[in-house]
C-alpha atoms as a PDB file:
ATOM      1  CA  UNK A   1     231.630-115.331-113.070  1.00  0.00           C
ATOM      2  CA  UNK A   2     234.851-115.600-111.108  1.00  0.00           C
ATOM      3  CA  UNK A   3     235.407-115.244-107.377  1.00  0.00           C
ATOM      4  CA  UNK A   4     238.102-114.248-104.933  1.00  0.00           C
ATOM      5  CA  UNK A   5     238.914-114.543-101.236  1.00  0.00           C
ATOM      6  CA  UNK A   6     237.722-117.290 -98.935  1.00  0.00           C
ATOM      7  CA  UNK A   7     235.260-119.797-100.392  1.00  0.00           C
ATOM      8  CA  UNK A   8     231.656-119.603 -99.200  1.00  0.00           C
ATOM      9  CA  UNK A   9     231.094-123.211-100.352  1.00  0.00           C
ATOM     10  CA  UNK A  10     228.717-122.335-103.173  1.00  0.00           C
ATOM     11  CA  UNK A  11     228.834-123.981-106.622  1.00  0.00           C
ATOM     12  CA  UNK A  12     230.494-120.852-107.997  1.00  0.00           C
ATOM     13  CA  UNK A  13     233.476-121.554-105.746  1.00  0.00           C
ATOM     14  CA  UNK A  14     234.928-124.070-108.179  1.00  0.00           C
ATOM     15  CA  UNK A  15     238.721-123.807-107.893  1.00  0.00           C
ATOM     16  CA  UNK A  16     238.929-123.248-111.650  1.00  0.00           C
ATOM     17  CA  UNK A  17     236.988-120.001-111.331  1.00  0.00           C
ATOM     18  CA  UNK A  18     239.047-118.492-108.538  1.00  0.00           C
ATOM     19  CA  UNK A  19     241.145-115.375-109.180  1.00  0.00           C
ATOM     20  CA  UNK A  20     243.529-113.316-107.083  1.00  0.00           C
ATOM     21  CA  UNK A  21     241.905-110.838-104.710  1.00  0.00           C
ATOM     22  CA  UNK A  22     241.948-107.468-106.516  1.00  0.00           C
ATOM     23  CA  UNK A  23     243.340-105.509-103.569  1.00  0.00           C
ATOM     24  CA  UNK A  24     242.844-101.785-104.137  1.00  0.00           C
ATOM     25  CA  UNK A  25     240.137-102.109-106.814  1.00  0.00           C
ATOM     26  CA  UNK A  26     236.860-100.288-106.147  1.00  0.00           C
ATOM     27  CA  UNK A  27     233.685-102.323-105.664  1.00  0.00           C
ATOM     28  CA  UNK A  28     231.102-101.786-108.409  1.00  0.00           C
ATOM     29  CA  UNK A  29     228.360-101.417-105.771  1.00  0.00           C
ATOM     30  CA  UNK A  30     229.750 -99.567-102.773  1.00  0.00           C
ATOM     31  CA  UNK A  31     232.815 -97.910-104.359  1.00  0.00           C
ATOM     32  CA  UNK A  32     234.954 -98.951-101.361  1.00  0.00           C
ATOM     33  CA  UNK A  33     238.310-100.516-102.135  1.00  0.00           C
ATOM     34  CA  UNK A  34     238.778-104.260-101.891  1.00  0.00           C
ATOM     35  CA  UNK A  35     241.177-105.127 -99.079  1.00  0.00           C
ATOM     36  CA  UNK A  36     243.265-108.172 -98.259  1.00  0.00           C
ATOM     37  CA  UNK A  37     240.944-110.761 -96.725  1.00  0.00           C
ATOM     38  CA  UNK A  38     237.824-109.564 -98.580  1.00  0.00           C
ATOM     39  CA  UNK A  39     235.875-112.056-100.648  1.00  0.00           C
ATOM     40  CA  UNK A  40     233.711-111.388-103.657  1.00  0.00           C
ATOM     41  CA  UNK A  41     233.060-111.866-107.348  1.00  0.00           C
ATOM     42  CA  UNK A  42     233.600-110.484-110.797  1.00  0.00           C
ATOM     43  CA  UNK A  43     230.376-110.559-112.810  1.00  0.00           C
ATOM     44  CA  UNK A  44     230.767-111.256-116.532  1.00  0.00           C
ATOM     45  CA  UNK A  45     231.432-108.098-118.580  1.00  0.00           C
ATOM     46  CA  UNK A  46     231.942-105.986-115.435  1.00  0.00           C
ATOM     47  CA  UNK A  47     235.599-105.079-114.971  1.00  0.00           C
ATOM     48  CA  UNK A  48     235.088-104.005-111.339  1.00  0.00           C
ATOM     49  CA  UNK A  49     234.689-106.521-108.531  1.00  0.00           C
ATOM     50  CA  UNK A  50     231.842-106.802-106.042  1.00  0.00           C
ATOM     51  CA  UNK A  51     232.389-107.530-102.368  1.00  0.00           C
ATOM     52  CA  UNK A  52     230.548-110.709-101.387  1.00  0.00           C
ATOM     53  CA  UNK A  53     228.010-108.819 -99.275  1.00  0.00           C
ATOM     54  CA  UNK A  54     227.456-106.229-102.037  1.00  0.00           C
ATOM     55  CA  UNK A  55     226.882-109.060-104.523  1.00  0.00           C
ATOM     56  CA  UNK A  56     224.419-110.771-102.167  1.00  0.00           C
ATOM     57  CA  UNK A  57     222.513-107.536-101.525  1.00  0.00           C
ATOM     58  CA  UNK A  58     221.940-107.353-105.269  1.00  0.00           C
ATOM     59  CA  UNK A  59     220.332-110.784-105.117  1.00  0.00           C
ATOM     60  CA  UNK A  60     218.307-110.665-101.885  1.00  0.00           C
ATOM     61  CA  UNK A  61     217.634-106.930-101.719  1.00  0.00           C
ATOM     62  CA  UNK A  62     217.764-104.499 -98.842  1.00  0.00           C
ATOM     63  CA  UNK A  63     216.735-105.303 -95.281  1.00  0.00           C
ATOM     64  CA  UNK A  64     213.407-103.572 -96.006  1.00  0.00           C
ATOM     65  CA  UNK A  65     212.871-105.658 -99.127  1.00  0.00           C
ATOM     66  CA  UNK A  66     213.535-108.884 -97.245  1.00  0.00           C
ATOM     67  CA  UNK A  67     211.084-107.797 -94.532  1.00  0.00           C
ATOM     68  CA  UNK A  68     208.481-106.860 -97.153  1.00  0.00           C
ATOM     69  CA  UNK A  69     208.420-103.226 -95.962  1.00  0.00           C
ATOM     70  CA  UNK A  70     210.101-101.490 -98.934  1.00  0.00           C
ATOM     71  CA  UNK A  71     208.425 -99.630-101.791  1.00  0.00           C
ATOM     72  CA  UNK A  72     207.888-102.922-103.670  1.00  0.00           C
ATOM     73  CA  UNK A  73     205.392-103.850-100.975  1.00  0.00           C
ATOM     74  CA  UNK A  74     203.893-100.408-100.452  1.00  0.00           C
ATOM     75  CA  UNK A  75     206.179 -99.480 -97.560  1.00  0.00           C
ATOM     76  CA  UNK A  76     209.051 -97.047 -97.269  1.00  0.00           C
ATOM     77  CA  UNK A  77     211.774 -98.970 -95.390  1.00  0.00           C
ATOM     78  CA  UNK A  78     214.833 -99.826 -97.441  1.00  0.00           C
ATOM     79  CA  UNK A  79     218.396 -99.689 -96.125  1.00  0.00           C
ATOM     80  CA  UNK A  80     219.179 -98.755 -92.508  1.00  0.00           C
ATOM     81  CA  UNK A  81     219.147 -94.968 -92.083  1.00  0.00           C
ATOM     82  CA  UNK A  82     222.564 -93.387 -92.415  1.00  0.00           C
ATOM     83  CA  UNK A  83     224.239 -96.599 -93.567  1.00  0.00           C
ATOM     84  CA  UNK A  84     226.853 -96.481 -96.277  1.00  0.00           C
ATOM     85  CA  UNK A  85     226.191 -98.787 -99.248  1.00  0.00           C
ATOM     86  CA  UNK A  86     228.662-101.330 -97.841  1.00  0.00           C
ATOM     87  CA  UNK A  87     227.127-101.152 -94.346  1.00  0.00           C
ATOM     88  CA  UNK A  88     223.667-101.596 -95.883  1.00  0.00           C
ATOM     89  CA  UNK A  89     224.928-104.605 -97.857  1.00  0.00           C
ATOM     90  CA  UNK A  90     226.374-106.107 -94.682  1.00  0.00           C
ATOM     91  CA  UNK A  91     223.071-105.484 -92.884  1.00  0.00           C
ATOM     92  CA  UNK A  92     221.142-107.185 -95.712  1.00  0.00           C
ATOM     93  CA  UNK A  93     223.401-110.240 -95.559  1.00  0.00           C
ATOM     94  CA  UNK A  94     223.183-110.353 -91.760  1.00  0.00           C
ATOM     95  CA  UNK A  95     219.373-110.147 -91.932  1.00  0.00           C
ATOM     96  CA  UNK A  96     219.315-112.967 -94.492  1.00  0.00           C
ATOM     97  CA  UNK A  97     221.453-115.145 -92.244  1.00  0.00           C
ATOM     98  CA  UNK A  98     219.322-114.358 -89.159  1.00  0.00           C
ATOM     99  CA  UNK A  99     215.949-114.592 -90.942  1.00  0.00           C
ATOM    100  CA  UNK A 100     216.333-117.075 -93.824  1.00  0.00           C
ATOM    101  CA  UNK A 101     213.417-117.060 -96.257  1.00  0.00           C
ATOM    102  CA  UNK A 102     210.852-119.816 -96.026  1.00  0.00           C
ATOM    103  CA  UNK A 103     211.084-122.485 -98.710  1.00  0.00           C
ATOM    104  CA  UNK A 104     208.589-121.743-101.471  1.00  0.00           C
ATOM    105  CA  UNK A 105     206.529-124.781-100.575  1.00  0.00           C
ATOM    106  CA  UNK A 106     205.917-123.349 -97.103  1.00  0.00           C
ATOM    107  CA  UNK A 107     204.591-120.029 -98.377  1.00  0.00           C
ATOM    108  CA  UNK A 108     200.797-120.123 -98.144  1.00  0.00           C
ATOM    109  CA  UNK A 109     199.066-119.578-101.490  1.00  0.00           C
ATOM    110  CA  UNK A 110     195.453-118.339-101.313  1.00  0.00           C
ATOM    111  CA  UNK A 111     192.833-120.714-102.756  1.00  0.00           C
ATOM    112  CA  UNK A 112     191.863-118.171-105.423  1.00  0.00           C
ATOM    113  CA  UNK A 113     195.452-117.976-106.658  1.00  0.00           C
ATOM    114  CA  UNK A 114     195.659-121.775-106.744  1.00  0.00           C
ATOM    115  CA  UNK A 115     192.464-121.947-108.806  1.00  0.00           C
ATOM    116  CA  UNK A 116     193.857-119.360-111.231  1.00  0.00           C
ATOM    117  CA  UNK A 117     197.115-121.288-111.477  1.00  0.00           C
ATOM    118  CA  UNK A 118     195.264-124.546-112.033  1.00  0.00           C
ATOM    119  CA  UNK A 119     193.235-122.962-114.849  1.00  0.00           C
ATOM    120  CA  UNK A 120     196.395-121.657-116.516  1.00  0.00           C
ATOM    121  CA  UNK A 121     198.145-125.026-116.260  1.00  0.00           C
ATOM    122  CA  UNK A 122     195.057-126.757-117.653  1.00  0.00           C
ATOM    123  CA  UNK A 123     194.930-124.353-120.615  1.00  0.00           C
ATOM    124  CA  UNK A 124     198.632-124.850-121.381  1.00  0.00           C
ATOM    125  CA  UNK A 125     198.313-128.640-121.222  1.00  0.00           C
ATOM    126  CA  UNK A 126     195.236-128.618-123.473  1.00  0.00           C
ATOM    127  CA  UNK A 127     197.040-126.441-126.056  1.00  0.00           C
ATOM    128  CA  UNK A 128     200.050-128.749-125.983  1.00  0.00           C
ATOM    129  CA  UNK A 129     197.821-131.791-126.518  1.00  0.00           C
ATOM    130  CA  UNK A 130     196.026-130.064-129.386  1.00  0.00           C
ATOM    131  CA  UNK A 131     199.357-129.252-131.087  1.00  0.00           C
ATOM    132  CA  UNK A 132     200.523-132.815-130.563  1.00  0.00           C
ATOM    133  CA  UNK A 133     197.344-134.211-132.175  1.00  0.00           C
ATOM    134  CA  UNK A 134     197.738-131.869-135.170  1.00  0.00           C
ATOM    135  CA  UNK A 135     201.326-133.029-135.827  1.00  0.00           C
END
């Protein structure tokens, strides 16, 4: 992956992976042209760039997905009504910045799920030990 525009201080922003901003090229997500001052990425094997916010929307999902109100969660909210794909991507990034996700360790896991997880881990460990003894 290569990037262009201003750095967002992520590991990808290694100076060796920076390329010139492809002014005039169409974004693979929103189809809007990249302009001077835009930042974004080129994903491997994709000749078209992605604006930074379009790239991030592909990772974090729509505003509705981040809220847990999209079809994945049984709801119907997705992108803001009437928003263009680029506006929706900007809204998703803005929501992420305003409402960062909780670290995984802070997400409550029901006791039943923990018991199921513990049983699975136990089974995997026992199988590994059995293989080790047989070798």
